[in-house]
Amino acid sequence: QVQLVESGGGLVQPGGSLRLSCATSGFTFSNHAMGWYRQAPGKQRELVAGITGGANTDYADSVKGRFTISRDNSKNTVYLQMNSLKPEDTAVYYCKRRFRNDAWGQGTQVTVSS
């Protein structure tokens, strides 16, 4: 079955950086678009960034120019490089296949605070 394991979160000061990883299994990774999503307390989960199998990317306006999504098809892993972090980026971050009704993983907590 599909498995998604996020890692790399933590506590960082405003302006800092983090790199999230999502290790996947249970499907042919290179054939699928992937997305990073986040859910802040009291808010709905939102799409942060997406990447197609061919590595075309798209981003939420709130993270454009600061976040970069990438993938390594040889490792079945998708990444999210987050720079210039802001307190409003604080959330649990999840990865998932785009346009598929997969179960969510456990996510990884990102906290941006001084």
N, C-alpha and C. Protein backbone atom coordinates (compact mmCIF):
# COMPACT_ATOMS: atom_id res chain seq x y z
N GLN A 1 0.83 -1.17 0.00
CA GLN A 1 0.00 0.00 0.00
C GLN A 1 0.88 1.25 0.00
N VAL A 2 0.25 2.36 -0.31
CA VAL A 2 0.96 3.63 -0.36
C VAL A 2 1.42 4.02 1.03
N GLN A 3 2.72 4.35 1.13
CA GLN A 3 3.25 4.87 2.38
C GLN A 3 3.99 6.17 2.12
N LEU A 4 3.78 7.12 3.01
CA LEU A 4 4.38 8.45 2.90
C LEU A 4 4.95 8.80 4.26
N VAL A 5 6.25 9.05 4.34
CA VAL A 5 6.90 9.33 5.61
C VAL A 5 7.64 10.65 5.52
N GLU A 6 7.09 11.65 6.19
CA GLU A 6 7.68 12.99 6.18
C GLU A 6 8.70 13.14 7.30
N SER A 7 9.72 13.93 7.06
CA SER A 7 10.74 14.20 8.07
C SER A 7 11.40 15.54 7.79
N GLY A 8 12.18 16.03 8.77
CA GLY A 8 12.96 17.23 8.57
C GLY A 8 12.42 18.48 9.24
N GLY A 9 11.27 18.38 9.87
CA GLY A 9 10.72 19.53 10.55
C GLY A 9 11.50 19.87 11.81
N GLY A 10 11.09 20.98 12.43
CA GLY A 10 11.74 21.38 13.66
C GLY A 10 11.41 22.82 14.02
N LEU A 11 12.14 23.33 14.99
CA LEU A 11 11.98 24.71 15.45
C LEU A 11 13.08 25.55 14.81
N VAL A 12 12.69 26.64 14.18
CA VAL A 12 13.66 27.51 13.51
C VAL A 12 13.27 28.96 13.76
N GLN A 13 14.25 29.82 13.78
CA GLN A 13 13.98 31.24 13.95
C GLN A 13 13.50 31.86 12.65
N PRO A 14 12.75 32.94 12.75
CA PRO A 14 12.35 33.66 11.52
C PRO A 14 13.57 33.98 10.67
N GLY A 15 13.42 33.79 9.36
CA GLY A 15 14.53 33.99 8.44
C GLY A 15 15.37 32.75 8.21
N GLY A 16 15.14 31.73 9.00
CA GLY A 16 15.91 30.50 8.87
C GLY A 16 15.41 29.59 7.76
N SER A 17 16.05 28.43 7.67
CA SER A 17 15.74 27.47 6.61
C SER A 17 15.56 26.07 7.17
N LEU A 18 14.78 25.29 6.47
CA LEU A 18 14.61 23.87 6.74
C LEU A 18 14.44 23.14 5.42
N ARG A 19 14.82 21.87 5.42
CA ARG A 19 14.57 21.03 4.26
C ARG A 19 13.77 19.82 4.70
N LEU A 20 12.58 19.69 4.15
CA LEU A 20 11.72 18.56 4.45
C LEU A 20 11.92 17.47 3.41
N SER A 21 11.77 16.23 3.86
CA SER A 21 11.85 15.07 2.97
C SER A 21 10.60 14.23 3.13
N CYS A 22 10.22 13.57 2.06
CA CYS A 22 9.09 12.65 2.10
C CYS A 22 9.49 11.39 1.35
N ALA A 23 9.71 10.33 2.10
CA ALA A 23 10.04 9.04 1.51
C ALA A 23 8.75 8.30 1.20
N THR A 24 8.66 7.77 -0.02
CA THR A 24 7.42 7.13 -0.45
C THR A 24 7.66 5.67 -0.85
N SER A 25 6.60 4.89 -0.83
CA SER A 25 6.64 3.51 -1.30
C SER A 25 5.24 3.07 -1.63
N GLY A 26 5.14 1.96 -2.36
CA GLY A 26 3.84 1.40 -2.66
C GLY A 26 3.24 1.83 -3.98
N PHE A 27 3.97 2.62 -4.74
CA PHE A 27 3.48 3.03 -6.06
C PHE A 27 4.69 3.42 -6.92
N THR A 28 4.46 3.57 -8.21
CA THR A 28 5.54 3.95 -9.12
C THR A 28 5.72 5.46 -9.04
N PHE A 29 6.69 5.85 -8.25
CA PHE A 29 6.85 7.26 -7.86
C PHE A 29 6.99 8.18 -9.07
N SER A 30 7.78 7.79 -10.03
CA SER A 30 8.08 8.69 -11.16
C SER A 30 6.86 8.99 -12.01
N ASN A 31 5.80 8.18 -11.87
CA ASN A 31 4.59 8.37 -12.68
C ASN A 31 3.61 9.36 -12.07
N HIS A 32 3.91 9.84 -10.88
CA HIS A 32 2.91 10.61 -10.14
C HIS A 32 3.37 12.01 -9.76
N ALA A 33 2.44 12.96 -9.92
CA ALA A 33 2.65 14.28 -9.36
C ALA A 33 2.55 14.19 -7.84
N MET A 34 3.38 14.98 -7.18
CA MET A 34 3.40 15.00 -5.72
C MET A 34 3.15 16.42 -5.21
N GLY A 35 2.69 16.52 -4.00
CA GLY A 35 2.45 17.82 -3.41
C GLY A 35 2.88 17.86 -1.96
N TRP A 36 3.29 19.04 -1.54
CA TRP A 36 3.48 19.33 -0.11
C TRP A 36 2.31 20.21 0.34
N TYR A 37 1.74 19.83 1.46
CA TYR A 37 0.59 20.53 2.02
C TYR A 37 0.95 20.92 3.46
N ARG A 38 0.19 21.85 4.01
CA ARG A 38 0.40 22.19 5.41
C ARG A 38 -0.94 22.53 6.06
N GLN A 39 -0.96 22.31 7.38
CA GLN A 39 -2.15 22.65 8.16
C GLN A 39 -1.71 23.33 9.44
N ALA A 40 -2.10 24.58 9.56
CA ALA A 40 -1.82 25.35 10.77
C ALA A 40 -2.98 25.18 11.74
N PRO A 41 -2.74 25.39 13.03
CA PRO A 41 -3.81 25.24 14.02
C PRO A 41 -5.02 26.10 13.68
N GLY A 42 -6.18 25.47 13.67
CA GLY A 42 -7.41 26.20 13.41
C GLY A 42 -7.66 26.54 11.96
N LYS A 43 -6.81 26.06 11.07
CA LYS A 43 -6.96 26.38 9.65
C LYS A 43 -7.10 25.11 8.83
N GLN A 44 -7.62 25.27 7.62
CA GLN A 44 -7.74 24.13 6.72
C GLN A 44 -6.38 23.78 6.13
N ARG A 45 -6.23 22.52 5.77
CA ARG A 45 -5.02 22.10 5.10
C ARG A 45 -4.97 22.75 3.72
N GLU A 46 -3.77 23.19 3.34
CA GLU A 46 -3.63 23.88 2.06
C GLU A 46 -2.44 23.32 1.29
N LEU A 47 -2.53 23.41 -0.04
CA LEU A 47 -1.42 23.00 -0.90
C LEU A 47 -0.36 24.10 -0.88
N VAL A 48 0.87 23.71 -0.62
CA VAL A 48 1.98 24.65 -0.59
C VAL A 48 2.75 24.63 -1.91
N ALA A 49 3.02 23.41 -2.40
CA ALA A 49 3.81 23.29 -3.63
C ALA A 49 3.52 21.95 -4.27
N GLY A 50 3.60 21.92 -5.60
CA GLY A 50 3.38 20.68 -6.33
C GLY A 50 4.46 20.48 -7.37
N ILE A 51 4.67 19.22 -7.72
CA ILE A 51 5.66 18.89 -8.74
C ILE A 51 5.14 17.71 -9.54
N THR A 52 5.20 17.81 -10.86
CA THR A 52 4.73 16.73 -11.72
C THR A 52 5.82 15.66 -11.84
N GLY A 53 5.46 14.56 -12.48
CA GLY A 53 6.46 13.53 -12.75
C GLY A 53 7.60 14.06 -13.60
N GLY A 54 7.29 15.03 -14.44
CA GLY A 54 8.31 15.65 -15.28
C GLY A 54 9.00 16.83 -14.65
N ALA A 55 8.75 17.05 -13.34
CA ALA A 55 9.42 18.07 -12.54
C ALA A 55 8.95 19.50 -12.83
N ASN A 56 7.77 19.65 -13.42
CA ASN A 56 7.17 20.98 -13.47
C ASN A 56 6.62 21.31 -12.09
N THR A 57 6.78 22.56 -11.68
CA THR A 57 6.42 22.92 -10.31
C THR A 57 5.38 24.04 -10.28
N ASP A 58 4.65 24.10 -9.18
CA ASP A 58 3.77 25.23 -8.91
C ASP A 58 3.74 25.46 -7.40
N TYR A 59 3.45 26.70 -7.03
CA TYR A 59 3.54 27.12 -5.63
C TYR A 59 2.37 27.99 -5.23
N ALA A 60 2.02 27.91 -3.96
CA ALA A 60 1.08 28.87 -3.40
C ALA A 60 1.74 30.24 -3.41
N ASP A 61 0.93 31.27 -3.60
CA ASP A 61 1.48 32.63 -3.65
C ASP A 61 2.26 32.98 -2.38
N SER A 62 1.82 32.44 -1.27
CA SER A 62 2.42 32.80 0.02
C SER A 62 3.85 32.29 0.17
N VAL A 63 4.27 31.33 -0.67
CA VAL A 63 5.61 30.75 -0.51
C VAL A 63 6.47 30.94 -1.76
N LYS A 64 5.93 31.51 -2.81
CA LYS A 64 6.71 31.71 -4.03
C LYS A 64 7.96 32.52 -3.74
N GLY A 65 9.07 32.04 -4.29
CA GLY A 65 10.34 32.73 -4.09
C GLY A 65 11.06 32.35 -2.82
N ARG A 66 10.38 31.61 -1.93
CA ARG A 66 11.00 31.19 -0.67
C ARG A 66 11.14 29.67 -0.57
N PHE A 67 10.19 28.95 -1.11
CA PHE A 67 10.18 27.48 -1.04
C PHE A 67 10.50 26.90 -2.40
N THR A 68 11.17 25.75 -2.39
CA THR A 68 11.45 25.03 -3.62
C THR A 68 11.14 23.56 -3.43
N ILE A 69 10.29 23.03 -4.29
CA ILE A 69 9.97 21.61 -4.26
C ILE A 69 10.84 20.91 -5.30
N SER A 70 11.29 19.70 -4.96
CA SER A 70 12.09 18.93 -5.90
C SER A 70 11.83 17.45 -5.64
N ARG A 71 12.31 16.62 -6.54
CA ARG A 71 12.10 15.18 -6.38
C ARG A 71 13.32 14.43 -6.88
N ASP A 72 13.53 13.27 -6.28
CA ASP A 72 14.58 12.35 -6.72
C ASP A 72 13.90 11.03 -7.03
N ASN A 73 13.66 10.77 -8.29
CA ASN A 73 12.93 9.56 -8.67
C ASN A 73 13.72 8.29 -8.36
N SER A 74 15.04 8.39 -8.26
CA SER A 74 15.84 7.21 -7.93
C SER A 74 15.69 6.82 -6.46
N LYS A 75 15.26 7.78 -5.64
CA LYS A 75 15.08 7.52 -4.21
C LYS A 75 13.62 7.54 -3.78
N ASN A 76 12.72 7.73 -4.76
CA ASN A 76 11.27 7.79 -4.45
C ASN A 76 10.99 8.81 -3.36
N THR A 77 11.64 9.94 -3.45
CA THR A 77 11.57 10.95 -2.40
C THR A 77 11.29 12.33 -2.99
N VAL A 78 10.45 13.07 -2.31
CA VAL A 78 10.18 14.46 -2.67
C VAL A 78 10.64 15.35 -1.53
N TYR A 79 11.16 16.52 -1.89
CA TYR A 79 11.75 17.43 -0.92
C TYR A 79 11.05 18.79 -0.96
N LEU A 80 11.17 19.51 0.14
CA LEU A 80 10.71 20.90 0.17
C LEU A 80 11.78 21.71 0.90
N GLN A 81 12.50 22.52 0.14
CA GLN A 81 13.47 23.44 0.71
C GLN A 81 12.74 24.72 1.07
N MET A 82 12.82 25.10 2.34
CA MET A 82 12.11 26.27 2.83
C MET A 82 13.11 27.28 3.35
N ASN A 83 13.16 28.43 2.70
CA ASN A 83 14.06 29.52 3.10
C ASN A 83 13.25 30.72 3.54
N SER A 84 13.93 31.64 4.22
CA SER A 84 13.28 32.88 4.68
C SER A 84 11.98 32.59 5.41
N LEU A 85 12.04 31.65 6.31
CA LEU A 85 10.82 31.22 7.01
C LEU A 85 10.23 32.33 7.86
N LYS A 86 8.91 32.32 7.91
CA LYS A 86 8.15 33.31 8.67
C LYS A 86 7.31 32.61 9.73
N PRO A 87 6.93 33.31 10.78
CA PRO A 87 6.06 32.69 11.80
C PRO A 87 4.79 32.10 11.20
N GLU A 88 4.27 32.72 10.17
CA GLU A 88 3.03 32.21 9.56
C GLU A 88 3.23 30.92 8.76
N ASP A 89 4.48 30.48 8.62
CA ASP A 89 4.75 29.19 8.00
C ASP A 89 4.62 28.04 9.01
N THR A 90 4.42 28.37 10.27
CA THR A 90 4.26 27.35 11.30
C THR A 90 3.05 26.49 11.01
N ALA A 91 3.27 25.18 10.94
CA ALA A 91 2.21 24.24 10.58
C ALA A 91 2.78 22.83 10.62
N VAL A 92 1.88 21.86 10.50
CA VAL A 92 2.29 20.49 10.22
C VAL A 92 2.31 20.34 8.70
N TYR A 93 3.41 19.84 8.20
CA TYR A 93 3.60 19.70 6.75
C TYR A 93 3.45 18.22 6.35
N TYR A 94 2.72 18.01 5.28
CA TYR A 94 2.44 16.68 4.77
C TYR A 94 2.79 16.59 3.29
N CYS A 95 3.12 15.40 2.84
CA CYS A 95 3.23 15.17 1.40
C CYS A 95 2.16 14.16 0.99
N LYS A 96 1.81 14.20 -0.26
CA LYS A 96 0.81 13.28 -0.79
C LYS A 96 0.85 13.31 -2.29
N ARG A 97 0.40 12.24 -2.90
CA ARG A 97 0.23 12.26 -4.35
C ARG A 97 -0.87 13.27 -4.69
N ARG A 98 -0.62 14.06 -5.74
CA ARG A 98 -1.67 14.98 -6.19
C ARG A 98 -2.77 14.16 -6.84
N PHE A 99 -3.99 14.61 -6.65
CA PHE A 99 -5.16 14.08 -7.38
C PHE A 99 -5.46 12.62 -7.04
N ARG A 100 -4.92 12.15 -5.92
CA ARG A 100 -5.22 10.80 -5.46
C ARG A 100 -5.73 10.86 -4.03
N ASN A 101 -6.61 9.95 -3.71
CA ASN A 101 -7.23 9.96 -2.39
C ASN A 101 -6.45 9.09 -1.41
N ASP A 102 -5.15 9.33 -1.31
CA ASP A 102 -4.32 8.57 -0.37
C ASP A 102 -4.59 9.02 1.06
N ALA A 103 -4.32 8.13 1.99
CA ALA A 103 -4.36 8.52 3.40
C ALA A 103 -3.18 9.44 3.70
N TRP A 104 -3.39 10.39 4.57
CA TRP A 104 -2.32 11.30 4.96
C TRP A 104 -1.32 10.59 5.86
N GLY A 105 -0.06 10.98 5.75
CA GLY A 105 0.96 10.47 6.65
C GLY A 105 0.88 11.19 7.99
N GLN A 106 1.91 11.00 8.80
CA GLN A 106 1.89 11.62 10.13
C GLN A 106 2.30 13.08 10.09
N GLY A 107 2.91 13.50 9.00
CA GLY A 107 3.33 14.89 8.88
C GLY A 107 4.58 15.18 9.70
N THR A 108 5.11 16.37 9.49
CA THR A 108 6.27 16.83 10.26
C THR A 108 6.01 18.27 10.68
N GLN A 109 6.23 18.54 11.96
CA GLN A 109 5.92 19.85 12.53
C GLN A 109 7.02 20.85 12.20
N VAL A 110 6.61 21.99 11.69
CA VAL A 110 7.53 23.11 11.47
C VAL A 110 7.06 24.27 12.34
N THR A 111 7.94 24.75 13.19
CA THR A 111 7.62 25.87 14.06
C THR A 111 8.63 26.98 13.83
N VAL A 112 8.13 28.14 13.44
CA VAL A 112 8.99 29.30 13.19
C VAL A 112 8.73 30.32 14.29
N SER A 113 9.72 30.48 15.14
CA SER A 113 9.53 31.34 16.30
C SER A 113 10.88 31.79 16.84
N SER A 114 10.89 33.00 17.37
CA SER A 114 12.12 33.50 18.01
C SER A 114 12.08 33.21 19.51
